Every structure is written in C-alpha cells, then in structure tokens.
Amino acid sequence: MKILTLNTWQERGPWRERWDVTLEGLMKFRPQIAAFQEVFNPYWAGEVRKLAEFSTLVFPKEFCGLVIYSRFAVKSWGIGKLAQSPLEEYSRYALWAEIQPPKGRFFILNTHLSWKVEDGATRRKQVEEIVKLIEKKDSKADWIVMGDLNSPPDSTEIPWLIQNGRFHDLFKEKHPNEVVYTWDNRNPYVAECEHKMPDRRIDYILTRGSGAIFKNPKSCDLVFTKPTPRGIWASDHYGVMAEFK
C-alpha cells in the first residue's frame, strides 16, 4: 500500500501545467491514498479524482483546502476545526476518513497547520487538538496523520506529537541521518515567495497503531522534487510518499 501527501499550492503560477506534473506522478506511483492541501476548487478536485482513477474523493464543505482521495472504500469521514491563529484571518481544520481496505481498517487524518514561522504556539495547540480528536474518535485504531504541518523536526510541535501523541515520523525512521527539506529555496516557487522562510522539512506522514499495516513500512521518501525539462515544478512544496508491505 502506498500513501502520498502534497501541498498543491492552490491555483497559483502555471497551475494546470503543475497539475500535469502531479497527475503524471499519481499515475506513476499509483498510491491507494492521497491527501492534498490547498485544493479549494470542487470541480477541479473531481476532475483529479477521475484523471488519477481514484474511486473516492472526500471534499468537505468547509473552505479548508483539505481533500482525501482513496482507492479503498471510505466508511465514514468528518472534519474538526482547530485553534485560530492570531496571525491569520482564516480557520484551520483536520479532515479525517475511516478507510476500509479488503482486510481491516484504519484512519487517515489530513491537516494544514498555521504557516508563519513565529506561530509555533498556535501549532502546538493545533496538534494537541488533533490528538484529542483522535482519542475521541477511536483511540485504539490505527491512524495516519499526514499533511503540511509547517513545523520542522526540531520544533516543539513535532516532538510533542511523537512523544505525547505516540506517533512515528516515518521519514526520520527510514532516513535517520538524512537532512532534507520539503520547503526548499532551490525551488523557484519558494525562492520567489513574498514571505521569505528558511529551508525546512515541514510535510509529514506520521503513523500510530499496532496493526499489521504499520509493523513493517517499506519506505518513506520525498516525491515531486525535480522540475520538468521545461522548468515546471509540481508545487512550492515537495510531497512525501510511504509504502507499506
């Protein structure tokens, strides 16, 4: 089973050409689950479902940009509102879905936390609320939390999720000595951003649970890290993809 997350950068820049890169990757990788951030157009979200040949799209009515695509059955889903940042005029959310493959079940939670570097206190509240949502929904189930957490591994938020939320950072476990970035100023969409921010790994796939699906993850790697020959990148973020045996 493969799962993939990517912040898609809304409909900015050469967005249709960028989506061609993303769709080509989806057809190449064939993930069973894809969690995207910054997808606000319901029509386009539906087109992506058809073009990438997913059977299910979860697109909430809340203006949150969070979507989940699945090739497995989605038994149920819901959304929770997170702490409001004093530095933002819009709300943040956590979108979850109960996934039912041919055997067993697990939960996906897709989120996009507050983005400003100096807003760590808000992100800390948001990750605490995510854990509370998980505990309330089904604390004994297997969970995958994925998305743009806007927090590097050495922040207070990610270690708190790992220690108090009992999550595993799959990329770190598979590449313990490797330093990589998913927000990378070598990407021109990042370098040209109005708000300058340092290179950081801020996009994650985190797992929690003891089910057979998580016992032996095969890989966790960055994807969409290079442009096309014409200089088109999929997004201003790199994606993350994990594969389980």
C-alpha atoms as a PDB file:
ATOM      1  CA  MET A   1       0.000   0.000   0.000  1.00  0.00           C
ATOM      2  CA  LYS A   2       1.234   3.474  -0.905  1.00  0.00           C
ATOM      3  CA  ILE A   3       0.092   6.750   0.646  1.00  0.00           C
ATOM      4  CA  LEU A   4       1.053  10.227  -0.535  1.00  0.00           C
ATOM      5  CA  THR A   5       0.693  13.802   0.695  1.00  0.00           C
ATOM      6  CA  LEU A   6       1.326  17.089  -1.129  1.00  0.00           C
ATOM      7  CA  ASN A   7       0.561  20.750  -0.570  1.00  0.00           C
ATOM      8  CA  THR A   8      -0.618  21.670  -4.091  1.00  0.00           C
ATOM      9  CA  TRP A   9      -0.113  25.481  -3.887  1.00  0.00           C
ATOM     10  CA  GLN A  10      -3.678  26.355  -4.825  1.00  0.00           C
ATOM     11  CA  GLU A  11      -4.189  27.609  -8.406  1.00  0.00           C
ATOM     12  CA  ARG A  12      -1.052  29.717  -8.467  1.00  0.00           C
ATOM     13  CA  GLY A  13       1.621  30.056 -11.098  1.00  0.00           C
ATOM     14  CA  PRO A  14       1.239  27.776 -14.150  1.00  0.00           C
ATOM     15  CA  TRP A  15      -1.222  25.682 -12.171  1.00  0.00           C
ATOM     16  CA  ARG A  16      -2.611  23.489 -14.962  1.00  0.00           C
ATOM     17  CA  GLU A  17       0.893  22.614 -16.112  1.00  0.00           C
ATOM     18  CA  ARG A  18       1.861  21.973 -12.499  1.00  0.00           C
ATOM     19  CA  TRP A  19      -1.100  19.650 -12.102  1.00  0.00           C
ATOM     20  CA  ASP A  20       0.001  17.775 -15.223  1.00  0.00           C
ATOM     21  CA  VAL A  21       3.216  17.008 -13.310  1.00  0.00           C
ATOM     22  CA  THR A  22       1.241  15.917 -10.238  1.00  0.00           C
ATOM     23  CA  LEU A  23      -1.153  13.753 -12.263  1.00  0.00           C
ATOM     24  CA  GLU A  24       1.734  12.117 -14.099  1.00  0.00           C
ATOM     25  CA  GLY A  25       3.246  11.282 -10.720  1.00  0.00           C
ATOM     26  CA  LEU A  26      -0.026   9.894  -9.397  1.00  0.00           C
ATOM     27  CA  MET A  27      -0.348   7.588 -12.382  1.00  0.00           C
ATOM     28  CA  LYS A  28       3.279   6.503 -11.971  1.00  0.00           C
ATOM     29  CA  PHE A  29       3.165   5.911  -8.213  1.00  0.00           C
ATOM     30  CA  ARG A  30      -0.454   4.666  -8.045  1.00  0.00           C
ATOM     31  CA  PRO A  31      -0.946   5.446  -4.322  1.00  0.00           C
ATOM     32  CA  GLN A  32      -4.002   3.919  -2.687  1.00  0.00           C
ATOM     33  CA  ILE A  33      -4.444   7.069  -0.585  1.00  0.00           C
ATOM     34  CA  ALA A  34      -3.549  10.687  -1.428  1.00  0.00           C
ATOM     35  CA  ALA A  35      -4.048  13.605   0.959  1.00  0.00           C
ATOM     36  CA  PHE A  36      -3.725  17.055  -0.599  1.00  0.00           C
ATOM     37  CA  GLN A  37      -3.724  20.518   0.895  1.00  0.00           C
ATOM     38  CA  GLU A  38      -4.752  23.797  -0.783  1.00  0.00           C
ATOM     39  CA  VAL A  39      -7.324  22.292  -3.151  1.00  0.00           C
ATOM     40  CA  PHE A  40     -10.223  24.763  -2.993  1.00  0.00           C
ATOM     41  CA  ASN A  41     -11.945  24.164  -6.337  1.00  0.00           C
ATOM     42  CA  PRO A  42     -14.562  21.369  -6.057  1.00  0.00           C
ATOM     43  CA  TYR A  43     -14.857  20.955  -9.816  1.00  0.00           C
ATOM     44  CA  TRP A  44     -11.108  20.511 -10.229  1.00  0.00           C
ATOM     45  CA  ALA A  45     -10.974  18.161  -7.240  1.00  0.00           C
ATOM     46  CA  GLY A  46     -13.499  15.964  -9.017  1.00  0.00           C
ATOM     47  CA  GLU A  47     -11.542  16.107 -12.261  1.00  0.00           C
ATOM     48  CA  VAL A  48      -8.394  14.979 -10.422  1.00  0.00           C
ATOM     49  CA  ARG A  49     -10.309  12.024  -8.983  1.00  0.00           C
ATOM     50  CA  LYS A  50     -11.301  10.905 -12.477  1.00  0.00           C
ATOM     51  CA  LEU A  51      -7.971  11.620 -14.152  1.00  0.00           C
ATOM     52  CA  ALA A  52      -5.969   9.855 -11.419  1.00  0.00           C
ATOM     53  CA  GLU A  53      -8.512   6.999 -11.282  1.00  0.00           C
ATOM     54  CA  PHE A  54      -9.381   7.186  -7.584  1.00  0.00           C
ATOM     55  CA  SER A  55     -12.679   5.636  -6.608  1.00  0.00           C
ATOM     56  CA  THR A  56     -13.470   8.090  -3.801  1.00  0.00           C
ATOM     57  CA  LEU A  57     -12.993  11.788  -3.105  1.00  0.00           C
ATOM     58  CA  VAL A  58     -13.590  13.354   0.318  1.00  0.00           C
ATOM     59  CA  PHE A  59     -14.164  17.089  -0.196  1.00  0.00           C
ATOM     60  CA  PRO A  60     -15.743  18.882   2.790  1.00  0.00           C
ATOM     61  CA  LYS A  61     -17.992  21.937   2.517  1.00  0.00           C
ATOM     62  CA  GLU A  62     -15.680  23.897   4.812  1.00  0.00           C
ATOM     63  CA  PHE A  63     -13.302  26.211   2.931  1.00  0.00           C
ATOM     64  CA  CYS A  64     -10.188  24.427   4.156  1.00  0.00           C
ATOM     65  CA  GLY A  65      -8.340  23.156   1.074  1.00  0.00           C
ATOM     66  CA  LEU A  66      -8.105  19.643   2.521  1.00  0.00           C
ATOM     67  CA  VAL A  67      -9.059  16.649   0.353  1.00  0.00           C
ATOM     68  CA  ILE A  68      -8.567  12.902   0.607  1.00  0.00           C
ATOM     69  CA  TYR A  69      -8.513  10.533  -2.382  1.00  0.00           C
ATOM     70  CA  SER A  70      -8.827   6.780  -1.934  1.00  0.00           C
ATOM     71  CA  ARG A  71      -8.872   3.587  -3.960  1.00  0.00           C
ATOM     72  CA  PHE A  72     -10.321   1.825  -0.908  1.00  0.00           C
ATOM     73  CA  ALA A  73     -13.822   2.223   0.489  1.00  0.00           C
ATOM     74  CA  VAL A  74     -14.339   5.197   2.819  1.00  0.00           C
ATOM     75  CA  LYS A  75     -16.674   4.020   5.586  1.00  0.00           C
ATOM     76  CA  SER A  76     -17.059   7.413   7.273  1.00  0.00           C
ATOM     77  CA  TRP A  77     -15.412  10.810   7.450  1.00  0.00           C
ATOM     78  CA  GLY A  78     -15.571  14.116   9.289  1.00  0.00           C
ATOM     79  CA  ILE A  79     -13.798  17.373   9.956  1.00  0.00           C
ATOM     80  CA  GLY A  80     -12.684  19.229  13.066  1.00  0.00           C
ATOM     81  CA  LYS A  81     -11.897  22.922  13.425  1.00  0.00           C
ATOM     82  CA  LEU A  82      -8.554  23.758  15.025  1.00  0.00           C
ATOM     83  CA  ALA A  83      -7.327  26.656  17.152  1.00  0.00           C
ATOM     84  CA  GLN A  84      -7.470  30.028  15.431  1.00  0.00           C
ATOM     85  CA  SER A  85      -4.152  31.777  14.964  1.00  0.00           C
ATOM     86  CA  PRO A  86      -3.993  35.456  15.972  1.00  0.00           C
ATOM     87  CA  LEU A  87      -1.766  35.927  12.907  1.00  0.00           C
ATOM     88  CA  GLU A  88      -4.274  34.548  10.379  1.00  0.00           C
ATOM     89  CA  GLU A  89      -7.740  35.628   9.254  1.00  0.00           C
ATOM     90  CA  TYR A  90      -8.872  32.135   8.256  1.00  0.00           C
ATOM     91  CA  SER A  91      -9.501  28.883  10.112  1.00  0.00           C
ATOM     92  CA  ARG A  92      -7.517  25.657  10.147  1.00  0.00           C
ATOM     93  CA  TYR A  93      -9.014  22.176  10.089  1.00  0.00           C
ATOM     94  CA  ALA A  94      -8.297  18.463  10.385  1.00  0.00           C
ATOM     95  CA  LEU A  95     -10.062  16.195   7.886  1.00  0.00           C
ATOM     96  CA  TRP A  96     -10.308  12.512   8.805  1.00  0.00           C
ATOM     97  CA  ALA A  97     -11.578   9.447   6.989  1.00  0.00           C
ATOM     98  CA  GLU A  98     -12.138   5.852   8.048  1.00  0.00           C
ATOM     99  CA  ILE A  99     -10.602   3.658   5.348  1.00  0.00           C
ATOM    100  CA  GLN A 100     -11.768   0.107   4.757  1.00  0.00           C
ATOM    101  CA  PRO A 101      -9.395  -1.963   2.596  1.00  0.00           C
ATOM    102  CA  PRO A 102     -10.235  -5.603   1.779  1.00  0.00           C
ATOM    103  CA  LYS A 103      -8.962  -6.594   5.228  1.00  0.00           C
ATOM    104  CA  GLY A 104      -9.061  -4.496   8.391  1.00  0.00           C
ATOM    105  CA  ARG A 105      -9.495  -0.729   8.664  1.00  0.00           C
ATOM    106  CA  PHE A 106      -7.511   2.384   9.557  1.00  0.00           C
ATOM    107  CA  PHE A 107      -7.963   6.147   9.751  1.00  0.00           C
ATOM    108  CA  ILE A 108      -6.378   8.929   7.712  1.00  0.00           C
ATOM    109  CA  LEU A 109      -6.150  12.479   9.033  1.00  0.00           C
ATOM    110  CA  ASN A 110      -5.145  15.257   6.654  1.00  0.00           C
ATOM    111  CA  THR A 111      -4.245  18.688   8.019  1.00  0.00           C
ATOM    112  CA  HIS A 112      -2.545  22.001   7.235  1.00  0.00           C
ATOM    113  CA  LEU A 113      -1.351  23.906  10.287  1.00  0.00           C
ATOM    114  CA  SER A 114      -0.723  27.635  10.656  1.00  0.00           C
ATOM    115  CA  TRP A 115       2.129  28.679   8.407  1.00  0.00           C
ATOM    116  CA  LYS A 116       4.089  31.558   9.921  1.00  0.00           C
ATOM    117  CA  VAL A 117       7.461  30.619  11.376  1.00  0.00           C
ATOM    118  CA  GLU A 118       6.775  32.593  14.571  1.00  0.00           C
ATOM    119  CA  ASP A 119       3.390  30.910  15.155  1.00  0.00           C
ATOM    120  CA  GLY A 120       4.677  27.815  16.951  1.00  0.00           C
ATOM    121  CA  ALA A 121       2.413  28.367  19.958  1.00  0.00           C
ATOM    122  CA  THR A 122      -0.679  28.086  17.750  1.00  0.00           C
ATOM    123  CA  ARG A 123       0.624  24.967  16.031  1.00  0.00           C
ATOM    124  CA  ARG A 124       1.245  23.404  19.424  1.00  0.00           C
ATOM    125  CA  LYS A 125      -2.433  23.968  20.309  1.00  0.00           C
ATOM    126  CA  GLN A 126      -3.458  22.566  16.938  1.00  0.00           C
ATOM    127  CA  VAL A 127      -1.503  19.314  17.307  1.00  0.00           C
ATOM    128  CA  GLU A 128      -2.934  18.885  20.816  1.00  0.00           C
ATOM    129  CA  GLU A 129      -6.428  19.276  19.359  1.00  0.00           C
ATOM    130  CA  ILE A 130      -5.641  16.717  16.656  1.00  0.00           C
ATOM    131  CA  VAL A 131      -4.642  14.173  19.286  1.00  0.00           C
ATOM    132  CA  LYS A 132      -7.824  14.926  21.265  1.00  0.00           C
ATOM    133  CA  LEU A 133      -9.876  14.396  18.083  1.00  0.00           C
ATOM    134  CA  ILE A 134      -8.179  11.042  17.533  1.00  0.00           C
ATOM    135  CA  GLU A 135      -8.686   9.978  21.143  1.00  0.00           C
ATOM    136  CA  LYS A 136     -12.366  10.908  20.963  1.00  0.00           C
ATOM    137  CA  LYS A 137     -12.996   9.248  17.598  1.00  0.00           C
ATOM    138  CA  ASP A 138     -11.169   5.943  18.140  1.00  0.00           C
ATOM    139  CA  SER A 139      -8.089   5.851  20.345  1.00  0.00           C
ATOM    140  CA  LYS A 140      -7.419   2.153  19.692  1.00  0.00           C
ATOM    141  CA  ALA A 141      -7.491   2.321  15.897  1.00  0.00           C
ATOM    142  CA  ASP A 142      -4.522   2.664  13.562  1.00  0.00           C
ATOM    143  CA  TRP A 143      -4.055   6.259  12.395  1.00  0.00           C
ATOM    144  CA  ILE A 144      -2.025   8.019   9.712  1.00  0.00           C
ATOM    145  CA  VAL A 145      -1.632  11.776  10.149  1.00  0.00           C
ATOM    146  CA  MET A 146      -0.306  13.476   7.060  1.00  0.00           C
ATOM    147  CA  GLY A 147      -0.027  16.913   5.560  1.00  0.00           C
ATOM    148  CA  ASP A 148       1.700  20.260   5.789  1.00  0.00           C
ATOM    149  CA  LEU A 149       2.408  20.778   9.493  1.00  0.00           C
ATOM    150  CA  ASN A 150       4.584  23.863   8.885  1.00  0.00           C
ATOM    151  CA  SER A 151       6.861  22.634  11.685  1.00  0.00           C
ATOM    152  CA  PRO A 152      10.420  21.314  11.293  1.00  0.00           C
ATOM    153  CA  PRO A 153      11.511  18.189  13.187  1.00  0.00           C
ATOM    154  CA  ASP A 154      13.299  20.245  15.863  1.00  0.00           C
ATOM    155  CA  SER A 155      10.223  22.358  16.678  1.00  0.00           C
ATOM    156  CA  THR A 156       8.251  21.774  19.863  1.00  0.00           C
ATOM    157  CA  GLU A 157       5.198  20.572  17.938  1.00  0.00           C
ATOM    158  CA  ILE A 158       6.645  17.521  16.175  1.00  0.00           C
ATOM    159  CA  PRO A 159       8.436  16.039  19.220  1.00  0.00           C
ATOM    160  CA  TRP A 160       5.221  16.570  21.202  1.00  0.00           C
ATOM    161  CA  LEU A 161       3.236  14.630  18.592  1.00  0.00           C
ATOM    162  CA  ILE A 162       5.776  11.812  18.660  1.00  0.00           C
ATOM    163  CA  GLN A 163       6.103  11.591  22.434  1.00  0.00           C
ATOM    164  CA  ASN A 164       2.649  12.532  23.724  1.00  0.00           C
ATOM    165  CA  GLY A 165       0.630  11.565  20.662  1.00  0.00           C
ATOM    166  CA  ARG A 166       2.562   8.283  20.252  1.00  0.00           C
ATOM    167  CA  PHE A 167       3.262   8.857  16.564  1.00  0.00           C
ATOM    168  CA  HIS A 168       6.134   7.698  14.371  1.00  0.00           C
ATOM    169  CA  ASP A 169       7.834  10.041  11.905  1.00  0.00           C
ATOM    170  CA  LEU A 170       8.255   7.596   9.031  1.00  0.00           C
ATOM    171  CA  PHE A 171      10.769   9.635   7.069  1.00  0.00           C
ATOM    172  CA  LYS A 172      13.040  10.059  10.083  1.00  0.00           C
ATOM    173  CA  GLU A 173      12.828   6.369  10.922  1.00  0.00           C
ATOM    174  CA  LYS A 174      13.734   5.373   7.369  1.00  0.00           C
ATOM    175  CA  HIS A 175      16.404   8.073   6.930  1.00  0.00           C
ATOM    176  CA  PRO A 176      17.744   8.740  10.444  1.00  0.00           C
ATOM    177  CA  ASN A 177      20.861  10.590   9.301  1.00  0.00           C
ATOM    178  CA  GLU A 178      19.499  12.375   6.255  1.00  0.00           C
ATOM    179  CA  VAL A 179      18.635  16.085   6.279  1.00  0.00           C
ATOM    180  CA  VAL A 180      16.117  17.010   3.585  1.00  0.00           C
ATOM    181  CA  TYR A 181      13.638  19.807   3.006  1.00  0.00           C
ATOM    182  CA  THR A 182      10.094  19.868   1.672  1.00  0.00           C
ATOM    183  CA  TRP A 183      10.152  23.687   1.701  1.00  0.00           C
ATOM    184  CA  ASP A 184      13.291  24.248  -0.337  1.00  0.00           C
ATOM    185  CA  ASN A 185      14.569  27.575  -1.676  1.00  0.00           C
ATOM    186  CA  ARG A 186      16.146  25.759  -4.616  1.00  0.00           C
ATOM    187  CA  ASN A 187      12.586  25.505  -5.899  1.00  0.00           C
ATOM    188  CA  PRO A 188      11.914  28.814  -7.724  1.00  0.00           C
ATOM    189  CA  TYR A 189       8.304  28.887  -6.498  1.00  0.00           C
ATOM    190  CA  VAL A 190       9.743  29.019  -2.963  1.00  0.00           C
ATOM    191  CA  ALA A 191      12.613  31.376  -3.779  1.00  0.00           C
ATOM    192  CA  GLU A 192      10.189  33.870  -5.345  1.00  0.00           C
ATOM    193  CA  CYS A 193       7.765  33.724  -2.411  1.00  0.00           C
ATOM    194  CA  GLU A 194       6.881  37.122  -0.930  1.00  0.00           C
ATOM    195  CA  HIS A 195       7.427  35.794   2.597  1.00  0.00           C
ATOM    196  CA  LYS A 196      10.987  34.505   2.865  1.00  0.00           C
ATOM    197  CA  MET A 197      11.345  31.405   5.037  1.00  0.00           C
ATOM    198  CA  PRO A 198      14.267  29.045   5.660  1.00  0.00           C
ATOM    199  CA  ASP A 199      14.608  25.586   4.140  1.00  0.00           C
ATOM    200  CA  ARG A 200      12.745  23.085   6.322  1.00  0.00           C
ATOM    201  CA  ARG A 201      11.138  19.645   6.300  1.00  0.00           C
ATOM    202  CA  ILE A 202       7.544  20.544   7.164  1.00  0.00           C
ATOM    203  CA  ASP A 203       5.474  17.896   5.334  1.00  0.00           C
ATOM    204  CA  TYR A 204       4.963  14.571   7.090  1.00  0.00           C
ATOM    205  CA  ILE A 205       3.493  11.104   7.162  1.00  0.00           C
ATOM    206  CA  LEU A 206       3.083  10.046  10.804  1.00  0.00           C
ATOM    207  CA  THR A 207       1.698   6.702  11.951  1.00  0.00           C
ATOM    208  CA  ARG A 208       0.207   5.496  15.208  1.00  0.00           C
ATOM    209  CA  GLY A 209      -1.032   2.000  15.947  1.00  0.00           C
ATOM    210  CA  SER A 210      -0.053  -1.611  16.348  1.00  0.00           C
ATOM    211  CA  GLY A 211      -1.922  -3.122  13.417  1.00  0.00           C
ATOM    212  CA  ALA A 212      -0.209  -5.306  10.846  1.00  0.00           C
ATOM    213  CA  ILE A 213      -0.266  -2.491   8.283  1.00  0.00           C
ATOM    214  CA  PHE A 214       2.268  -0.407  10.243  1.00  0.00           C
ATOM    215  CA  LYS A 215       4.582  -3.142  11.528  1.00  0.00           C
ATOM    216  CA  ASN A 216       6.959  -3.116   8.599  1.00  0.00           C
ATOM    217  CA  PRO A 217       6.872   0.078   6.489  1.00  0.00           C
ATOM    218  CA  LYS A 218       8.891  -0.495   3.338  1.00  0.00           C
ATOM    219  CA  SER A 219       9.883   3.084   2.518  1.00  0.00           C
ATOM    220  CA  CYS A 220       9.195   6.766   3.035  1.00  0.00           C
ATOM    221  CA  ASP A 221      10.646   9.239   0.547  1.00  0.00           C
ATOM    222  CA  LEU A 222      10.203  12.697  -0.930  1.00  0.00           C
ATOM    223  CA  VAL A 223       8.461  12.959  -4.298  1.00  0.00           C
ATOM    224  CA  PHE A 224       7.954  15.760  -6.827  1.00  0.00           C
ATOM    225  CA  THR A 225      11.437  17.097  -6.022  1.00  0.00           C
ATOM    226  CA  LYS A 226      12.502  17.998  -9.577  1.00  0.00           C
ATOM    227  CA  PRO A 227      11.126  20.143 -12.396  1.00  0.00           C
ATOM    228  CA  THR A 228      10.202  19.028 -15.876  1.00  0.00           C
ATOM    229  CA  PRO A 229      12.648  19.833 -18.716  1.00  0.00           C
ATOM    230  CA  ARG A 230      10.547  22.974 -19.262  1.00  0.00           C
ATOM    231  CA  GLY A 231      11.145  24.076 -15.668  1.00  0.00           C
ATOM    232  CA  ILE A 232       7.694  23.233 -14.269  1.00  0.00           C
ATOM    233  CA  TRP A 233       7.563  22.006 -10.664  1.00  0.00           C
ATOM    234  CA  ALA A 234       4.536  20.249  -9.201  1.00  0.00           C
ATOM    235  CA  SER A 235       4.241  22.729  -6.325  1.00  0.00           C
ATOM    236  CA  ASP A 236       6.125  25.035  -3.992  1.00  0.00           C
ATOM    237  CA  HIS A 237       6.313  22.043  -1.618  1.00  0.00           C
ATOM    238  CA  TYR A 238       7.740  18.593  -2.213  1.00  0.00           C
ATOM    239  CA  GLY A 239       5.489  15.647  -1.496  1.00  0.00           C
ATOM    240  CA  VAL A 240       6.022  12.685   0.807  1.00  0.00           C
ATOM    241  CA  MET A 241       5.130   9.088  -0.067  1.00  0.00           C
ATOM    242  CA  ALA A 242       5.267   5.994   2.148  1.00  0.00           C
ATOM    243  CA  GLU A 243       4.890   2.374   1.116  1.00  0.00           C
ATOM    244  CA  PHE A 244       3.850  -0.443   3.422  1.00  0.00           C
ATOM    245  CA  LYS A 245       4.364  -4.129   2.817  1.00  0.00           C
END
